[in-house]
Amino acid sequence: MKEIKIALCQQRFSVGNLEENYNKILKIRKYCSDQGADICIFSELCISGYPPEDLILKPAFIRANQEIVDKLVKNSNTDDPAIIVGYPREGDKKKIYNSGAIINDGKCFIVDKFHLPNYGVFDEARVFSFEKMSGPISVKGLKIGLMICEDMWFSDVSESLLESGADILVTINGSPYDQNKEDERLSEAVSRVTETSLPLIYVNQVGGQDELVFDGTSFILDASSNLCGQSPSWEEDISINKLQFDEDGINKISKSKLYTISSGVEAKYQAMIMGLSEYVKKNSFKGVVLGLSGGIDSALSAAIAVDALGKKMLEELGCHLISLPKVR
């Protein structure tokens, strides 16, 4: 019987700030190493930041992402935990893929996203290519079936990974908060586990990018669809679970903390706080102006501003309160 510790690294990443994202990954890998973790799992396109949109169309940006991956490979050794990161990758014939890199002991294995969403806020089919499903990758003796976000929502990818000998399904995500789909992620994950009888790890990012907010809520399910770990909503978190496995697969997953995730009105309010906070900070705004007329909507706006930015930050930004005249 073998044991392995896997860290679910639910973090914020910034679109376009590759060096900051790289340093954050290194810092968290070091922390996880100190905690005895063997594998650290980060979110979809964490190196570029998600969603990178038309930056994908810039060759220099794609090269810069590859350079970061190359540095991560160069800086990995047998004493480090393996890491799973997402990034945009140039393949043959200049095609660009939404890829996951599994980096371990100076080696890098690539998995490309197969299903590219092209609805709602997603337009990945416009900037990314797809070709074929990938098989599982052996890491620290465990055969990992890596899926990238949308791939979890279809049974064909997980079934292919099962047939190829995967021990566990791992999905890395840049899944935005949607008030109408609060339970769908877990429901789809349970469906994949039920179909394959394989445990599943779901790692999502947290934070905001322009009009999108990401609520995190990463989790891990055992082969019977029991929830073995649940990360909090709207917060960065690192959760480490111990897995026991042998040649027949995973036999046991240790329990980690199960946070109660926000929903309903609470989740909507947290989404507004996250969206405002991230938008102000990531755009380095030098000031904030609040127009308050004295009504309930003004009180709500002021409460959101204080909760999102904090009284101290509002003062430092030079927040100005403007009382608007009533219209009769």
Protein backbone atom coordinates (compact mmCIF):
# COMPACT_ATOMS: atom_id res chain seq x y z
CA MET A 1 0.00 0.00 0.00
CA LYS A 2 1.34 3.43 -1.00
CA GLU A 3 0.41 6.87 0.33
CA ILE A 4 0.43 10.18 -1.46
CA LYS A 5 -0.57 13.69 -0.37
CA ILE A 6 -2.29 15.93 -2.91
CA ALA A 7 -2.76 19.68 -2.40
CA LEU A 8 -5.73 21.50 -3.91
CA CYS A 9 -4.35 25.00 -4.50
CA GLN A 10 -7.29 27.39 -4.87
CA GLN A 11 -5.67 30.75 -5.64
CA ARG A 12 -5.99 34.15 -7.32
CA PHE A 13 -4.03 34.75 -10.51
CA SER A 14 -3.69 37.90 -12.60
CA VAL A 15 -4.24 38.00 -16.36
CA GLY A 16 -1.03 38.98 -18.11
CA ASN A 17 1.15 39.19 -14.98
CA LEU A 18 3.11 36.04 -15.72
CA GLU A 19 6.03 36.72 -13.39
CA GLU A 20 3.71 37.33 -10.44
CA ASN A 21 1.82 34.13 -11.21
CA TYR A 22 5.09 32.20 -11.53
CA ASN A 23 6.39 33.44 -8.19
CA LYS A 24 3.11 32.61 -6.52
CA ILE A 25 3.23 29.04 -7.82
CA LEU A 26 6.81 28.65 -6.52
CA LYS A 27 5.86 30.06 -3.11
CA ILE A 28 2.88 27.73 -2.76
CA ARG A 29 4.89 24.73 -3.97
CA LYS A 30 7.42 25.48 -1.21
CA TYR A 31 4.66 25.73 1.38
CA CYS A 32 3.10 22.47 0.21
CA SER A 33 6.50 20.78 0.25
CA ASP A 34 6.93 21.82 3.88
CA GLN A 35 3.54 20.24 4.60
CA GLY A 36 4.65 16.96 3.03
CA ALA A 37 2.58 17.24 -0.16
CA ASP A 38 3.58 15.14 -3.17
CA ILE A 39 1.44 16.86 -5.84
CA CYS A 40 0.15 20.45 -6.04
CA ILE A 41 -2.80 21.13 -8.32
CA PHE A 42 -3.43 24.67 -9.60
CA SER A 43 -6.23 26.03 -11.78
CA GLU A 44 -6.84 26.33 -15.51
CA LEU A 45 -4.57 28.81 -17.35
CA CYS A 46 -3.11 29.90 -14.02
CA ILE A 47 0.16 30.96 -15.64
CA SER A 48 -1.46 33.35 -18.11
CA GLY A 49 -4.34 34.26 -15.82
CA TYR A 50 -7.92 33.47 -16.79
CA PRO A 51 -9.50 34.44 -19.11
CA PRO A 52 -6.63 35.72 -21.29
CA GLU A 53 -9.00 36.56 -24.19
CA ASP A 54 -7.20 38.17 -27.18
CA LEU A 55 -3.79 37.98 -25.51
CA ILE A 56 -3.85 34.44 -26.92
CA LEU A 57 -3.56 35.98 -30.40
CA LYS A 58 -0.20 37.58 -29.56
CA PRO A 59 2.75 35.25 -30.36
CA ALA A 60 4.98 37.04 -27.84
CA PHE A 61 2.49 36.30 -25.08
CA ILE A 62 2.40 32.60 -25.97
CA ARG A 63 6.20 32.46 -25.99
CA ALA A 64 6.33 34.17 -22.59
CA ASN A 65 3.96 31.54 -21.14
CA GLN A 66 6.16 28.75 -22.51
CA GLU A 67 9.21 30.37 -20.94
CA ILE A 68 7.48 30.30 -17.54
CA VAL A 69 6.67 26.61 -17.96
CA ASP A 70 10.27 25.94 -18.98
CA LYS A 71 11.45 27.70 -15.82
CA LEU A 72 9.11 25.61 -13.68
CA VAL A 73 10.49 22.46 -15.30
CA LYS A 74 14.08 23.60 -14.81
CA ASN A 75 13.41 24.45 -11.16
CA SER A 76 11.80 21.10 -10.32
CA ASN A 77 13.62 18.15 -8.79
CA THR A 78 12.95 14.92 -6.93
CA ASP A 79 12.58 16.74 -3.59
CA ASP A 80 9.83 19.02 -4.88
CA PRO A 81 6.15 18.15 -5.15
CA ALA A 82 4.95 17.61 -8.70
CA ILE A 83 2.76 20.47 -9.92
CA ILE A 84 -0.16 20.67 -12.33
CA VAL A 85 -0.60 24.08 -13.97
CA GLY A 86 -2.60 25.44 -16.88
CA TYR A 87 -1.25 27.61 -19.69
CA PRO A 88 -1.78 28.48 -23.39
CA ARG A 89 0.57 26.40 -25.56
CA GLU A 90 1.67 26.57 -29.17
CA GLY A 91 1.61 23.22 -30.89
CA ASP A 92 2.21 22.08 -34.45
CA LYS A 93 1.29 24.39 -37.34
CA LYS A 94 1.12 27.38 -34.95
CA LYS A 95 -2.08 26.09 -33.36
CA ILE A 96 -2.73 27.28 -29.81
CA TYR A 97 -4.07 24.93 -27.15
CA ASN A 98 -5.54 25.39 -23.70
CA SER A 99 -3.18 22.98 -21.96
CA GLY A 100 -2.32 21.48 -18.63
CA ALA A 101 1.31 20.79 -17.76
CA ILE A 102 2.20 18.08 -15.25
CA ILE A 103 5.72 18.92 -14.07
CA ASN A 104 7.72 16.43 -12.03
CA ASP A 105 11.45 15.99 -11.43
CA GLY A 106 12.59 18.01 -14.44
CA LYS A 107 10.05 16.45 -16.81
CA CYS A 108 6.89 17.93 -18.31
CA PHE A 109 3.83 16.08 -19.61
CA ILE A 110 1.15 17.91 -21.59
CA VAL A 111 -2.62 17.42 -21.75
CA ASP A 112 -4.74 19.59 -24.07
CA LYS A 113 -8.32 20.64 -23.44
CA PHE A 114 -10.69 18.71 -25.68
CA HIS A 115 -14.06 20.44 -25.26
CA LEU A 116 -13.86 24.18 -25.93
CA PRO A 117 -16.88 26.15 -24.62
CA ASN A 118 -18.39 28.65 -27.02
CA TYR A 119 -21.47 29.98 -25.24
CA GLY A 120 -22.35 32.61 -22.64
CA VAL A 121 -19.17 34.30 -21.44
CA PHE A 122 -16.95 31.72 -23.17
CA ASP A 123 -15.49 31.98 -26.67
CA GLU A 124 -12.58 29.54 -26.45
CA ALA A 125 -13.33 27.98 -29.82
CA ARG A 126 -12.31 31.30 -31.36
CA VAL A 127 -8.78 31.32 -29.97
CA PHE A 128 -7.94 27.69 -29.10
CA SER A 129 -7.67 24.46 -31.10
CA PHE A 130 -8.37 20.88 -30.12
CA GLU A 131 -7.36 17.53 -31.62
CA LYS A 132 -7.57 14.40 -29.49
CA MET A 133 -8.15 13.20 -25.96
CA SER A 134 -5.09 12.51 -23.85
CA GLY A 135 -4.42 9.45 -21.73
CA PRO A 136 -3.50 9.36 -18.04
CA ILE A 137 -0.09 10.49 -16.81
CA SER A 138 1.80 8.55 -14.13
CA VAL A 139 2.96 10.87 -11.33
CA LYS A 140 4.53 9.58 -8.11
CA GLY A 141 3.13 6.14 -8.94
CA LEU A 142 -0.43 7.44 -9.40
CA LYS A 143 -2.03 7.44 -12.87
CA ILE A 144 -3.74 10.84 -13.17
CA GLY A 145 -6.48 11.44 -15.70
CA LEU A 146 -6.30 15.20 -16.26
CA MET A 147 -9.36 17.07 -17.54
CA ILE A 148 -9.55 20.81 -18.16
CA CYS A 149 -12.76 22.51 -17.02
CA GLU A 150 -15.34 21.88 -19.77
CA ASP A 151 -13.99 18.35 -20.25
CA MET A 152 -15.60 17.37 -16.95
CA TRP A 153 -19.05 18.28 -18.26
CA PHE A 154 -18.97 15.51 -20.86
CA SER A 155 -18.72 11.79 -20.17
CA ASP A 156 -16.52 10.94 -23.16
CA VAL A 157 -13.28 12.32 -21.70
CA SER A 158 -13.64 10.63 -18.29
CA GLU A 159 -14.67 7.33 -19.89
CA SER A 160 -11.65 7.46 -22.20
CA LEU A 161 -9.38 8.08 -19.20
CA LEU A 162 -10.96 5.15 -17.35
CA GLU A 163 -10.38 2.85 -20.32
CA SER A 164 -6.77 4.06 -20.49
CA GLY A 165 -6.12 3.02 -16.90
CA ALA A 166 -6.50 6.22 -14.85
CA ASP A 167 -6.55 5.86 -11.04
CA ILE A 168 -8.12 9.28 -10.41
CA LEU A 169 -9.75 12.11 -12.34
CA VAL A 170 -8.34 15.60 -11.83
CA THR A 171 -10.04 18.64 -13.32
CA ILE A 172 -8.47 22.11 -13.31
CA ASN A 173 -10.91 24.95 -13.77
CA GLY A 174 -11.50 28.61 -14.48
CA SER A 175 -15.20 28.33 -13.72
CA PRO A 176 -16.99 31.65 -13.11
CA TYR A 177 -19.68 32.04 -10.49
CA ASP A 178 -23.20 31.74 -11.89
CA GLN A 179 -26.16 32.39 -9.60
CA ASN A 180 -28.26 29.95 -11.61
CA LYS A 181 -25.77 27.06 -11.52
CA GLU A 182 -24.66 26.82 -7.91
CA ASP A 183 -25.08 23.04 -7.65
CA GLU A 184 -24.26 22.00 -11.22
CA ARG A 185 -20.50 21.56 -10.79
CA LEU A 186 -20.85 19.09 -7.95
CA SER A 187 -23.70 17.34 -9.77
CA GLU A 188 -21.60 16.90 -12.92
CA ALA A 189 -18.62 15.72 -10.89
CA VAL A 190 -20.79 13.13 -9.14
CA SER A 191 -21.98 11.94 -12.57
CA ARG A 192 -18.40 11.41 -13.74
CA VAL A 193 -17.55 9.51 -10.55
CA THR A 194 -20.69 7.36 -10.86
CA GLU A 195 -19.90 6.53 -14.48
CA THR A 196 -16.25 5.63 -13.88
CA SER A 197 -16.07 4.60 -10.18
CA LEU A 198 -12.96 6.81 -9.99
CA PRO A 199 -12.29 9.49 -7.36
CA LEU A 200 -12.32 13.07 -8.65
CA ILE A 201 -10.46 16.24 -7.65
CA TYR A 202 -11.89 19.60 -8.74
CA VAL A 203 -9.69 22.70 -8.40
CA ASN A 204 -11.11 26.11 -9.30
CA GLN A 205 -9.57 29.55 -9.13
CA VAL A 206 -10.85 32.41 -6.99
CA GLY A 207 -10.90 36.14 -7.71
CA GLY A 208 -12.23 38.46 -10.37
CA GLN A 209 -11.38 39.56 -13.89
CA ASP A 210 -13.39 42.39 -15.43
CA GLU A 211 -17.02 41.21 -15.54
CA LEU A 212 -16.29 37.70 -14.25
CA VAL A 213 -15.89 36.49 -10.68
CA PHE A 214 -14.60 33.09 -9.57
CA ASP A 215 -15.84 31.62 -6.33
CA GLY A 216 -13.38 28.76 -5.81
CA THR A 217 -15.29 26.02 -3.94
CA SER A 218 -12.78 23.32 -4.93
CA PHE A 219 -13.51 19.79 -3.71
CA ILE A 220 -12.52 16.13 -3.74
CA LEU A 221 -14.82 13.11 -4.10
CA ASP A 222 -14.01 9.49 -3.38
CA ALA A 223 -15.05 6.62 -5.67
CA SER A 224 -18.44 6.45 -3.93
CA SER A 225 -19.09 10.18 -4.52
CA ASN A 226 -18.56 11.03 -0.86
CA LEU A 227 -17.28 14.56 -0.30
CA CYS A 228 -13.84 14.21 1.32
CA GLY A 229 -12.85 17.87 1.20
CA GLN A 230 -14.53 21.19 0.36
CA SER A 231 -12.64 24.46 0.02
CA PRO A 232 -14.33 27.73 1.05
CA SER A 233 -16.06 30.11 -1.34
CA TRP A 234 -14.45 33.44 -2.29
CA GLU A 235 -11.17 32.76 -0.45
CA GLU A 236 -7.74 31.47 -1.34
CA ASP A 237 -7.18 28.06 0.19
CA ILE A 238 -4.77 25.14 0.21
CA SER A 239 -6.30 21.80 1.15
CA ILE A 240 -4.18 18.66 1.46
CA ASN A 241 -5.66 15.16 1.30
CA LYS A 242 -3.86 11.85 1.84
CA LEU A 243 -4.64 9.05 -0.64
CA GLN A 244 -3.83 5.37 -0.17
CA PHE A 245 -3.48 3.25 -3.31
CA ASP A 246 -2.08 0.01 -4.70
CA GLU A 247 -2.02 -1.72 -8.09
CA ASP A 248 -5.83 -1.95 -8.02
CA GLY A 249 -6.29 1.80 -7.60
CA ILE A 250 -7.15 4.19 -4.75
CA ASN A 251 -8.49 2.52 -1.63
CA LYS A 252 -8.92 5.42 0.77
CA ILE A 253 -8.98 9.23 0.80
CA SER A 254 -8.49 11.04 4.08
CA LYS A 255 -11.02 13.67 5.12
CA SER A 256 -10.01 17.33 5.11
CA LYS A 257 -12.06 20.31 6.22
CA LEU A 258 -15.54 20.62 4.71
CA TYR A 259 -16.43 24.29 4.42
CA THR A 260 -20.04 25.34 3.97
CA ILE A 261 -20.12 27.11 0.62
CA SER A 262 -22.11 30.31 0.19
CA SER A 263 -25.31 30.27 -1.83
CA GLY A 264 -28.38 32.37 -2.57
CA VAL A 265 -28.32 36.03 -1.50
CA GLU A 266 -25.09 35.55 0.45
CA ALA A 267 -23.28 34.30 -2.65
CA LYS A 268 -24.60 37.19 -4.75
CA TYR A 269 -23.36 39.71 -2.21
CA GLN A 270 -19.96 38.01 -2.02
CA ALA A 271 -19.79 38.06 -5.83
CA MET A 272 -20.35 41.84 -5.85
CA ILE A 273 -17.69 42.35 -3.20
CA MET A 274 -15.19 40.16 -5.05
CA GLY A 275 -15.90 41.81 -8.41
CA LEU A 276 -15.44 45.36 -7.10
CA SER A 277 -12.40 44.57 -5.00
CA GLU A 278 -10.54 42.78 -7.78
CA TYR A 279 -11.46 45.37 -10.40
CA VAL A 280 -10.14 48.28 -8.32
CA LYS A 281 -6.97 46.51 -7.20
CA LYS A 282 -6.03 44.92 -10.52
CA ASN A 283 -6.53 48.20 -12.40
CA SER A 284 -4.54 50.14 -9.77
CA PHE A 285 -7.19 52.82 -9.48
CA LYS A 286 -5.98 55.91 -7.63
CA GLY A 287 -9.36 57.04 -6.35
CA VAL A 288 -12.98 56.06 -5.85
CA VAL A 289 -16.11 58.21 -6.09
CA LEU A 290 -19.40 57.14 -4.56
CA GLY A 291 -22.59 58.93 -5.55
CA LEU A 292 -25.08 58.57 -2.70
CA SER A 293 -28.65 59.89 -2.82
CA GLY A 294 -29.67 58.58 0.58
CA GLY A 295 -31.86 55.69 -0.53
CA ILE A 296 -31.57 51.97 0.15
CA ASP A 297 -29.58 51.45 -3.05
CA SER A 298 -27.06 54.06 -1.88
CA ALA A 299 -26.72 52.36 1.48
CA LEU A 300 -26.12 49.04 -0.27
CA SER A 301 -23.52 50.60 -2.58
CA ALA A 302 -21.67 52.11 0.39
CA ALA A 303 -21.77 48.78 2.26
CA ILE A 304 -20.38 46.91 -0.76
CA ALA A 305 -17.61 49.50 -1.17
CA VAL A 306 -16.55 49.22 2.47
CA ASP A 307 -16.69 45.40 2.47
CA ALA A 308 -14.86 45.18 -0.86
CA LEU A 309 -12.15 47.76 -0.30
CA GLY A 310 -12.11 48.29 3.47
CA LYS A 311 -12.34 51.59 5.27
CA LYS A 312 -8.56 51.99 5.30
CA MET A 313 -8.22 51.42 1.55
CA LEU A 314 -11.07 53.82 0.80
CA GLU A 315 -9.29 56.49 2.81
CA GLU A 316 -5.97 55.76 1.08
CA LEU A 317 -7.64 55.88 -2.34
CA GLY A 318 -9.16 59.24 -1.48
CA CYS A 319 -12.79 58.14 -1.59
CA HIS A 320 -15.14 61.07 -2.11
CA LEU A 321 -18.79 60.88 -1.07
CA ILE A 322 -21.18 62.91 -3.18
CA SER A 323 -24.73 63.50 -1.97
CA LEU A 324 -27.01 63.71 -4.99
CA PRO A 325 -30.04 66.01 -4.92
CA LYS A 326 -33.43 64.37 -4.87
CA VAL A 327 -35.39 64.52 -8.11
CA ARG A 328 -38.99 65.61 -7.51
